[in-house]
Amino acid sequence: MLKTIINAFKTPEVRKKIFYTLILIVIFRFGCYVVVPGVNSTLLKQEVESATGTLTGLINTISGGAFSRLSIFAMSISPYITASIIIQLLGMIIPSLEKLVKEGGEQGRKKINFYTKILTIVLAAVEATGIYISYSKSGGSVFINPGFKTAAIFVLALMAGTAILMWLGEQITSKGIGNGISILIFVGIISGLPNGALKLFNLAFSPFTTTNFIIALGVLLGAIILVAGVVFVQQAERRVPVQYAKKVVGRKMYGGQNTHIPLKLAMAGVMPVIFASSFMTFPAMLIQIFSPSSIGGTGFLSGLYQFSIATSTSQGVGYGYAIANAIVYLLLIVGFTFFYTYATFNPAEVANNIKKNGGFVPGIRAGKPTSDYIASILGKLTWFGGFFLSLIAIIPMLMRFGPIDLAFGGTSILIVVGVALETMQQLESQLVMRHYKGFLE
């Protein structure tokens, strides 16, 4: 890994892409401190800090602290992610959109990208309006001069911030080292790493006791084991062998080669966790926007709110809500893992392609038997991947009910490790194109 990074800086073209990416990252972090006009920053910070155990605190953590200042990047890139998910799901339902995704080629990808951007702006407008309404209903003290003009400026500023983040992501993807949107999410999450390290230090040494030191050491070792487990599962794969029959064309013989189909343990990646998190926190978002007075009460909406935010916070949430939420959260992650895996990988289509090219899986007949065999293997891997994602997402959440409440959760670790691995693979592929060995040594 270190050698790959050194070789990347030795290569002029790759070095230029790395520096270009770093400049855009600096712009992104600078924008997190550009406050939207009309906001009283002091009162806003007090309100967000007092809302650590609510959805507001969660959004602030995800945005890398931008939400606590209501900067132009306060919504982060979440509207774009939501729009991408919606377009992807619609592509499975609407035939014309599905044809555009599968057969549209470069023009089809451009159209899909255009539709995603339009939907992103619409979602950003809705979310920004909801944020304004939420803070207005809480008393309006956050805004210096509440009114239509302030609301319009506020919504337009957040929409512009989301559009800038989309542009930054595209520039990193096309002119930088790649994975632009993922890198922006990665940077937003790791910006909370110093705060997490400080909490761990205070846990161990403020005040220093043997018990606190052992707990802090256990958290550190647990984090290392967790990261190692994520790396192992992300990189692990089941290889299904495939052989191609020999054929003679003229005076030459073709085929006869052996290859394999790589089936990853976590083929769906972190997407099922993102889907499940969005599904679980959606009721809390609606309640906080349209009925903030019911939060902290004893009615149905208050109970639904407590149940919804138990995924990612512990303050003010009872153990009963947390256990029920954890069970539903686990089931949703497993369900979304199956949904996303089979939506992106079709065993029947793979089996047909193998058959058309004269290939076969040793010991398995071509056609439907091959499809059933691949589907059987994929099902077992998906069960394992779904439960693994569930454990990674739930265990850190339950730890927050003890003396440990760090900035990083299971979802954050999955995203950070996944993006880091993808980025290193991007660098490796660019170095291999320029005759560097890197990881291949």
Protein backbone atom coordinates (compact mmCIF):
# COMPACT_ATOMS: atom_id res chain seq x y z
CA MET A 1 0.00 0.00 0.00
CA LEU A 2 2.74 2.45 1.01
CA LYS A 3 4.75 1.54 -2.08
CA THR A 4 1.73 2.18 -4.30
CA ILE A 5 1.33 5.66 -2.81
CA ILE A 6 5.04 6.39 -3.32
CA ASN A 7 4.86 5.21 -6.94
CA ALA A 8 1.74 7.33 -7.45
CA PHE A 9 3.62 10.48 -6.42
CA LYS A 10 6.53 9.51 -8.68
CA THR A 11 4.27 9.41 -11.72
CA PRO A 12 3.61 12.96 -13.04
CA GLU A 13 0.11 12.27 -14.38
CA VAL A 14 -1.09 10.46 -11.26
CA ARG A 15 0.57 13.02 -8.99
CA LYS A 16 -1.27 15.80 -10.81
CA LYS A 17 -4.59 13.99 -10.26
CA ILE A 18 -3.85 13.52 -6.56
CA PHE A 19 -3.03 17.20 -6.03
CA TYR A 20 -6.10 18.22 -8.04
CA THR A 21 -8.25 16.01 -5.80
CA LEU A 22 -6.68 17.47 -2.66
CA ILE A 23 -7.42 21.02 -3.84
CA LEU A 24 -11.09 20.14 -4.39
CA ILE A 25 -11.23 18.50 -0.95
CA VAL A 26 -9.87 21.72 0.59
CA ILE A 27 -12.60 23.66 -1.23
CA PHE A 28 -15.18 21.24 0.14
CA ARG A 29 -13.97 21.66 3.73
CA PHE A 30 -13.75 25.44 3.31
CA GLY A 31 -17.37 25.50 2.12
CA CYS A 32 -18.42 23.71 5.31
CA TYR A 33 -17.57 26.94 7.17
CA VAL A 34 -19.40 29.35 4.80
CA VAL A 35 -22.59 30.14 6.75
CA VAL A 36 -25.86 30.75 4.94
CA PRO A 37 -26.93 34.44 5.11
CA GLY A 38 -29.54 35.32 7.72
CA VAL A 39 -28.51 32.69 10.31
CA ASN A 40 -27.58 33.49 13.89
CA SER A 41 -24.57 31.16 14.21
CA THR A 42 -24.24 31.45 18.01
CA LEU A 43 -27.83 30.45 18.76
CA LEU A 44 -27.72 27.75 16.08
CA LYS A 45 -24.65 26.14 17.63
CA GLN A 46 -26.29 26.11 21.06
CA GLU A 47 -29.42 24.47 19.68
CA VAL A 48 -27.52 21.80 17.75
CA GLU A 49 -25.28 20.99 20.72
CA SER A 50 -28.35 20.59 22.91
CA ALA A 51 -29.79 18.19 20.32
CA THR A 52 -27.04 15.58 20.46
CA GLY A 53 -29.55 12.81 21.01
CA THR A 54 -31.88 13.83 18.21
CA LEU A 55 -31.97 13.61 14.46
CA THR A 56 -30.40 17.07 14.28
CA GLY A 57 -27.31 15.76 16.03
CA LEU A 58 -27.20 12.81 13.64
CA ILE A 59 -27.35 15.04 10.56
CA ASN A 60 -24.59 17.21 12.00
CA THR A 61 -22.35 14.14 12.45
CA ILE A 62 -22.96 12.93 8.90
CA SER A 63 -22.27 16.35 7.35
CA GLY A 64 -18.88 16.62 9.08
CA GLY A 65 -20.04 19.45 11.35
CA ALA A 66 -21.42 21.60 8.51
CA PHE A 67 -24.97 21.35 9.85
CA SER A 68 -24.02 22.87 13.20
CA ARG A 69 -23.10 26.04 11.30
CA LEU A 70 -25.84 25.74 8.64
CA SER A 71 -23.22 26.26 5.96
CA ILE A 72 -23.99 26.01 2.26
CA PHE A 73 -22.88 22.34 2.45
CA ALA A 74 -25.12 21.57 5.44
CA MET A 75 -27.09 18.89 3.54
CA SER A 76 -23.87 17.26 2.35
CA ILE A 77 -24.30 15.06 -0.73
CA SER A 78 -27.29 13.16 0.71
CA PRO A 79 -29.86 14.53 -1.83
CA TYR A 80 -27.69 13.19 -4.66
CA ILE A 81 -27.40 9.77 -3.01
CA THR A 82 -31.16 9.63 -2.47
CA ALA A 83 -31.79 10.67 -6.08
CA SER A 84 -29.38 8.01 -7.35
CA ILE A 85 -31.16 5.33 -5.31
CA ILE A 86 -34.58 6.45 -6.58
CA ILE A 87 -33.43 6.47 -10.22
CA GLN A 88 -31.88 3.03 -9.76
CA LEU A 89 -35.09 1.64 -8.27
CA LEU A 90 -37.20 3.26 -10.99
CA GLY A 91 -34.89 1.65 -13.56
CA MET A 92 -36.10 -1.74 -12.32
CA ILE A 93 -39.78 -0.77 -12.60
CA ILE A 94 -40.08 1.49 -15.68
CA PRO A 95 -39.24 -0.46 -18.89
CA SER A 96 -38.06 2.57 -20.88
CA LEU A 97 -35.72 3.63 -18.08
CA GLU A 98 -34.44 0.07 -17.68
CA LYS A 99 -33.69 -0.09 -21.41
CA LEU A 100 -31.88 3.23 -21.16
CA VAL A 101 -29.72 1.90 -18.31
CA LYS A 102 -28.83 -1.41 -19.99
CA GLU A 103 -28.69 -0.52 -23.68
CA GLY A 104 -28.27 3.25 -23.82
CA GLY A 105 -24.48 3.24 -23.86
CA GLU A 106 -22.72 6.55 -23.32
CA GLN A 107 -25.75 8.62 -24.33
CA GLY A 108 -27.92 6.59 -21.99
CA ARG A 109 -25.55 7.21 -19.09
CA LYS A 110 -25.61 10.93 -19.83
CA LYS A 111 -29.42 10.96 -19.76
CA ILE A 112 -29.51 8.98 -16.52
CA ASN A 113 -26.99 11.41 -15.02
CA PHE A 114 -29.14 14.35 -16.17
CA TYR A 115 -32.29 12.86 -14.61
CA THR A 116 -30.38 12.22 -11.39
CA LYS A 117 -29.20 15.84 -11.23
CA ILE A 118 -32.70 17.21 -11.79
CA LEU A 119 -34.12 14.96 -9.07
CA THR A 120 -31.23 15.95 -6.77
CA ILE A 121 -32.11 19.64 -7.07
CA VAL A 122 -35.79 18.89 -6.38
CA LEU A 123 -34.95 16.82 -3.31
CA ALA A 124 -32.50 19.47 -2.12
CA ALA A 125 -35.24 22.12 -2.37
CA VAL A 126 -37.65 19.94 -0.37
CA GLU A 127 -35.07 19.10 2.28
CA ALA A 128 -33.89 22.71 2.62
CA THR A 129 -37.50 23.87 2.98
CA GLY A 130 -38.05 21.25 5.66
CA ILE A 131 -34.95 22.40 7.57
CA TYR A 132 -36.14 26.01 7.46
CA ILE A 133 -39.65 25.06 8.63
CA SER A 134 -38.18 22.94 11.42
CA TYR A 135 -36.05 25.76 12.82
CA SER A 136 -38.83 28.31 12.30
CA LYS A 137 -41.25 26.20 14.34
CA SER A 138 -38.69 25.89 17.10
CA GLY A 139 -39.04 29.63 17.76
CA GLY A 140 -37.38 31.33 14.81
CA SER A 141 -34.47 32.60 16.93
CA VAL A 142 -31.98 30.81 14.65
CA PHE A 143 -32.81 33.26 11.85
CA ILE A 144 -32.05 36.96 12.25
CA ASN A 145 -35.08 38.17 10.26
CA PRO A 146 -37.49 35.24 9.68
CA GLY A 147 -39.71 35.66 6.66
CA PHE A 148 -40.22 34.80 3.01
CA LYS A 149 -37.06 36.59 1.85
CA THR A 150 -34.89 34.83 4.43
CA ALA A 151 -36.51 31.50 3.58
CA ALA A 152 -35.89 31.99 -0.15
CA ILE A 153 -32.23 32.90 0.37
CA PHE A 154 -31.79 29.99 2.79
CA VAL A 155 -33.31 27.40 0.44
CA LEU A 156 -31.45 28.72 -2.63
CA ALA A 157 -28.14 28.74 -0.74
CA LEU A 158 -28.50 25.11 0.34
CA MET A 159 -29.58 24.10 -3.17
CA ALA A 160 -26.53 25.87 -4.58
CA GLY A 161 -24.32 24.08 -2.04
CA THR A 162 -25.68 20.70 -3.12
CA ALA A 163 -25.10 21.61 -6.79
CA ILE A 164 -21.50 22.64 -6.01
CA LEU A 165 -20.90 19.31 -4.25
CA MET A 166 -22.24 17.46 -7.30
CA TRP A 167 -19.83 19.41 -9.49
CA LEU A 168 -16.90 18.74 -7.14
CA GLY A 169 -17.73 15.02 -7.17
CA GLU A 170 -17.84 14.95 -10.97
CA GLN A 171 -14.52 16.79 -11.24
CA ILE A 172 -12.82 14.36 -8.85
CA THR A 173 -14.22 11.46 -10.87
CA SER A 174 -13.24 12.79 -14.30
CA LYS A 175 -10.01 14.70 -13.58
CA GLY A 176 -8.98 13.41 -10.16
CA ILE A 177 -8.36 9.93 -8.80
CA GLY A 178 -11.98 8.82 -9.22
CA ASN A 179 -14.93 7.95 -6.95
CA GLY A 180 -15.74 11.63 -6.46
CA ILE A 181 -19.00 11.33 -4.51
CA SER A 182 -17.60 8.55 -2.33
CA ILE A 183 -14.50 10.61 -1.52
CA LEU A 184 -16.63 13.58 -0.44
CA ILE A 185 -18.61 11.30 1.89
CA PHE A 186 -15.33 9.81 3.12
CA VAL A 187 -13.88 13.25 3.90
CA GLY A 188 -17.07 14.34 5.65
CA ILE A 189 -16.99 11.29 7.92
CA ILE A 190 -13.29 11.32 8.82
CA SER A 191 -13.53 15.00 9.72
CA GLY A 192 -15.06 13.71 12.94
CA LEU A 193 -12.06 11.47 13.62
CA PRO A 194 -10.17 14.05 15.76
CA ASN A 195 -13.26 14.48 17.92
CA GLY A 196 -13.55 10.71 18.31
CA ALA A 197 -9.86 10.42 19.23
CA LEU A 198 -10.29 13.20 21.81
CA LYS A 199 -13.27 11.40 23.36
CA LEU A 200 -11.26 8.20 23.57
CA PHE A 201 -8.34 10.06 25.18
CA ASN A 202 -10.63 11.71 27.72
CA LEU A 203 -12.21 8.36 28.48
CA ALA A 204 -8.81 6.90 29.30
CA PHE A 205 -7.11 9.82 31.09
CA SER A 206 -9.78 12.28 32.32
CA PRO A 207 -9.68 11.14 35.06
CA PHE A 208 -7.21 8.28 34.78
CA THR A 209 -8.45 5.04 36.32
CA THR A 210 -7.57 1.46 35.55
CA THR A 211 -11.15 0.71 34.55
CA ASN A 212 -11.40 3.65 32.13
CA PHE A 213 -8.00 2.85 30.62
CA ILE A 214 -8.97 -0.79 30.02
CA ILE A 215 -12.28 0.31 28.45
CA ALA A 216 -10.49 2.76 26.15
CA LEU A 217 -7.92 0.12 25.19
CA GLY A 218 -10.73 -2.34 24.51
CA VAL A 219 -12.47 0.20 22.25
CA LEU A 220 -9.25 0.79 20.33
CA LEU A 221 -8.58 -2.94 19.86
CA GLY A 222 -12.23 -3.49 18.95
CA ALA A 223 -12.03 -0.77 16.29
CA ILE A 224 -8.90 -2.37 14.81
CA ILE A 225 -10.56 -5.81 14.74
CA LEU A 226 -13.70 -4.27 13.23
CA VAL A 227 -11.74 -2.56 10.45
CA ALA A 228 -9.78 -5.76 9.77
CA GLY A 229 -13.03 -7.72 9.56
CA VAL A 230 -14.55 -5.21 7.14
CA VAL A 231 -11.45 -5.32 4.93
CA PHE A 232 -11.47 -9.13 4.93
CA VAL A 233 -15.15 -9.41 4.00
CA GLN A 234 -14.95 -6.60 1.42
CA GLN A 235 -12.03 -8.31 -0.34
CA ALA A 236 -13.15 -11.94 0.07
CA GLU A 237 -14.79 -13.65 -2.88
CA ARG A 238 -16.04 -17.07 -3.97
CA ARG A 239 -14.65 -17.98 -7.36
CA VAL A 240 -16.88 -20.15 -9.53
CA PRO A 241 -14.66 -21.93 -12.12
CA VAL A 242 -15.65 -21.67 -15.78
CA GLN A 243 -14.11 -23.56 -18.74
CA TYR A 244 -14.48 -22.67 -22.39
CA ALA A 245 -14.44 -25.37 -25.07
CA LYS A 246 -11.85 -25.29 -27.84
CA LYS A 247 -12.96 -24.46 -31.36
CA VAL A 248 -11.14 -24.34 -34.71
CA VAL A 249 -11.56 -21.33 -36.98
CA GLY A 250 -9.62 -21.77 -40.22
CA ARG A 251 -6.16 -22.95 -39.26
CA LYS A 252 -6.26 -21.50 -35.75
CA MET A 253 -7.65 -22.92 -32.52
CA TYR A 254 -9.48 -20.63 -30.11
CA GLY A 255 -10.84 -21.05 -26.59
CA GLY A 256 -9.94 -23.81 -24.20
CA GLN A 257 -9.14 -21.31 -21.46
CA ASN A 258 -10.07 -21.55 -17.79
CA THR A 259 -11.45 -18.57 -15.89
CA HIS A 260 -13.77 -17.88 -12.98
CA ILE A 261 -16.73 -15.78 -11.87
CA PRO A 262 -15.83 -13.76 -8.74
CA LEU A 263 -18.75 -13.60 -6.29
CA LYS A 264 -17.98 -11.29 -3.37
CA LEU A 265 -19.17 -11.98 0.16
CA ALA A 266 -20.50 -8.41 0.45
CA MET A 267 -21.55 -7.85 -3.15
CA ALA A 268 -24.07 -5.16 -2.17
CA GLY A 269 -21.41 -3.17 -0.30
CA VAL A 270 -22.73 -0.57 2.11
CA MET A 271 -25.87 0.23 0.11
CA PRO A 272 -28.24 -1.98 2.21
CA VAL A 273 -27.14 -0.14 5.36
CA ILE A 274 -27.76 3.23 3.70
CA PHE A 275 -31.21 2.07 2.51
CA ALA A 276 -32.13 0.73 5.96
CA SER A 277 -30.85 3.87 7.74
CA SER A 278 -32.87 6.13 5.43
CA PHE A 279 -35.97 3.98 5.92
CA MET A 280 -35.64 3.97 9.71
CA THR A 281 -34.91 7.70 10.15
CA PHE A 282 -37.54 8.90 7.65
CA PRO A 283 -40.40 9.00 10.23
CA ALA A 284 -38.23 11.03 12.64
CA MET A 285 -37.42 13.52 9.88
CA LEU A 286 -41.12 14.02 9.07
CA ILE A 287 -42.05 14.37 12.75
CA GLN A 288 -39.26 16.88 13.40
CA ILE A 289 -40.35 18.97 10.40
CA PHE A 290 -44.14 18.89 10.76
CA SER A 291 -44.75 18.15 14.45
CA PRO A 292 -41.74 19.17 16.56
CA SER A 293 -43.98 19.81 19.58
CA SER A 294 -44.73 16.07 19.87
CA ILE A 295 -41.05 15.25 20.49
CA GLY A 296 -40.48 14.43 24.13
CA GLY A 297 -44.15 13.82 24.84
CA THR A 298 -46.04 10.62 25.58
CA GLY A 299 -48.19 10.15 22.48
CA PHE A 300 -47.86 7.90 19.45
CA LEU A 301 -45.73 10.37 17.47
CA SER A 302 -43.32 10.73 20.37
CA GLY A 303 -42.94 6.94 20.62
CA LEU A 304 -42.46 6.65 16.86
CA TYR A 305 -39.81 9.37 16.99
CA GLN A 306 -37.89 7.65 19.80
CA PHE A 307 -38.07 4.33 17.95
CA SER A 308 -36.87 5.90 14.71
CA ILE A 309 -33.80 7.69 16.09
CA ALA A 310 -32.66 4.69 18.18
CA THR A 311 -30.67 3.52 15.15
CA SER A 312 -28.01 6.15 15.62
CA THR A 313 -28.34 7.80 19.03
CA SER A 314 -28.76 6.77 22.63
CA GLN A 315 -29.58 9.93 24.58
CA GLY A 316 -33.21 10.06 25.63
CA VAL A 317 -33.93 6.65 24.07
CA GLY A 318 -34.97 3.70 26.27
CA TYR A 319 -33.58 0.20 26.04
CA GLY A 320 -36.91 -1.13 24.80
CA TYR A 321 -36.90 1.22 21.82
CA ALA A 322 -33.26 0.37 21.09
CA ILE A 323 -33.79 -3.41 21.14
CA ALA A 324 -36.92 -3.21 18.97
CA ASN A 325 -35.16 -0.84 16.60
CA ALA A 326 -32.10 -3.11 16.39
CA ILE A 327 -34.25 -6.12 15.44
CA VAL A 328 -36.14 -4.20 12.73
CA TYR A 329 -32.89 -2.61 11.55
CA LEU A 330 -31.24 -6.05 11.22
CA LEU A 331 -34.17 -7.46 9.24
CA LEU A 332 -34.20 -4.44 6.93
CA ILE A 333 -30.47 -4.69 6.25
CA VAL A 334 -30.73 -8.40 5.40
CA GLY A 335 -33.77 -7.77 3.21
CA PHE A 336 -32.14 -4.86 1.36
CA THR A 337 -28.97 -6.95 0.93
CA PHE A 338 -30.94 -9.59 -0.99
CA PHE A 339 -32.85 -6.95 -2.93
CA TYR A 340 -29.78 -4.98 -4.00
CA THR A 341 -27.65 -8.08 -4.76
CA TYR A 342 -30.21 -9.71 -7.04
CA ALA A 343 -31.02 -6.34 -8.62
CA THR A 344 -27.39 -5.86 -9.69
CA PHE A 345 -26.45 -9.50 -10.39
CA ASN A 346 -28.70 -11.79 -12.44
CA PRO A 347 -27.62 -15.49 -12.28
CA ALA A 348 -29.81 -16.41 -15.28
CA GLU A 349 -28.22 -13.70 -17.43
CA VAL A 350 -24.71 -14.78 -16.40
CA ALA A 351 -25.50 -18.43 -17.17
CA ASN A 352 -26.87 -17.52 -20.61
CA ASN A 353 -23.76 -15.47 -21.43
CA ILE A 354 -21.54 -18.41 -20.42
CA LYS A 355 -23.58 -20.76 -22.63
CA LYS A 356 -23.50 -18.39 -25.63
CA ASN A 357 -19.71 -18.18 -25.45
CA GLY A 358 -19.31 -21.97 -25.30
CA GLY A 359 -18.43 -22.11 -21.62
CA PHE A 360 -19.57 -24.30 -18.76
CA VAL A 361 -19.06 -24.78 -15.04
CA PRO A 362 -17.25 -28.11 -14.45
CA GLY A 363 -19.74 -30.78 -13.35
CA ILE A 364 -22.77 -28.57 -14.07
CA ARG A 365 -24.86 -28.66 -17.25
CA ALA A 366 -25.14 -25.42 -19.22
CA GLY A 367 -28.30 -23.33 -19.07
CA LYS A 368 -30.75 -23.51 -16.16
CA PRO A 369 -28.67 -25.93 -14.01
CA THR A 370 -25.79 -23.44 -14.17
CA SER A 371 -28.16 -20.59 -13.27
CA ASP A 372 -29.52 -22.56 -10.29
CA TYR A 373 -25.99 -23.45 -9.16
CA ILE A 374 -24.83 -19.82 -9.26
CA ALA A 375 -28.05 -18.66 -7.56
CA SER A 376 -27.52 -21.22 -4.78
CA ILE A 377 -23.97 -19.99 -4.11
CA LEU A 378 -25.09 -16.36 -4.33
CA GLY A 379 -27.89 -16.97 -1.82
CA LYS A 380 -25.50 -18.42 0.78
CA LEU A 381 -23.05 -15.57 0.30
CA THR A 382 -25.85 -13.00 0.55
CA TRP A 383 -27.10 -14.44 3.86
CA PHE A 384 -23.59 -14.16 5.28
CA GLY A 385 -23.06 -10.65 3.86
CA GLY A 386 -26.42 -9.44 5.17
CA PHE A 387 -25.83 -10.63 8.74
CA PHE A 388 -22.27 -9.30 8.66
CA LEU A 389 -23.47 -5.84 7.63
CA SER A 390 -26.16 -6.00 10.33
CA LEU A 391 -23.67 -6.84 13.08
CA ILE A 392 -21.23 -4.12 11.97
CA ALA A 393 -24.05 -1.55 11.96
CA ILE A 394 -25.76 -2.62 15.21
CA ILE A 395 -22.91 -3.44 17.62
CA PRO A 396 -21.44 0.12 17.73
CA MET A 397 -25.00 1.46 18.09
CA LEU A 398 -25.65 -0.69 21.18
CA MET A 399 -22.27 0.29 22.67
CA ARG A 400 -23.54 3.87 22.93
CA PHE A 401 -25.82 2.85 25.79
CA GLY A 402 -22.72 2.19 27.91
CA PRO A 403 -20.01 4.67 28.91
CA ILE A 404 -18.78 4.72 25.31
CA ASP A 405 -20.22 7.19 22.81
CA LEU A 406 -17.72 7.78 20.00
CA ALA A 407 -18.21 9.71 16.77
CA PHE A 408 -17.88 6.67 14.50
CA GLY A 409 -20.61 4.11 14.00
CA GLY A 410 -20.69 0.87 12.07
CA THR A 411 -22.03 2.53 8.93
CA SER A 412 -19.25 5.12 9.03
CA ILE A 413 -16.60 2.40 9.34
CA LEU A 414 -18.08 0.48 6.40
CA ILE A 415 -18.10 3.59 4.21
CA VAL A 416 -14.61 4.74 5.21
CA VAL A 417 -12.99 1.34 4.70
CA GLY A 418 -14.88 0.68 1.47
CA VAL A 419 -13.96 4.04 -0.06
CA ALA A 420 -10.33 3.67 1.04
CA LEU A 421 -10.09 0.26 -0.65
CA GLU A 422 -11.75 1.52 -3.83
CA THR A 423 -9.44 4.54 -3.96
CA MET A 424 -6.34 2.37 -3.58
CA GLN A 425 -7.62 0.10 -6.35
CA GLN A 426 -8.12 3.16 -8.56
CA LEU A 427 -4.53 4.26 -7.94
CA GLU A 428 -3.30 0.72 -8.55
CA SER A 429 -5.11 0.47 -11.88
CA GLN A 430 -3.64 3.78 -13.03
CA LEU A 431 -0.15 2.66 -11.98
CA VAL A 432 -0.51 -0.69 -13.75
CA MET A 433 -1.34 1.21 -16.94
CA ARG A 434 1.99 2.98 -16.53
CA HIS A 435 4.02 -0.21 -15.93
CA TYR A 436 4.16 -0.06 -12.16
CA LYS A 437 3.67 -3.25 -10.16
CA GLY A 438 2.25 -1.85 -6.90
CA PHE A 439 0.02 -4.41 -5.21
CA LEU A 440 0.87 -7.06 -7.80
CA GLU A 441 4.29 -7.65 -6.34
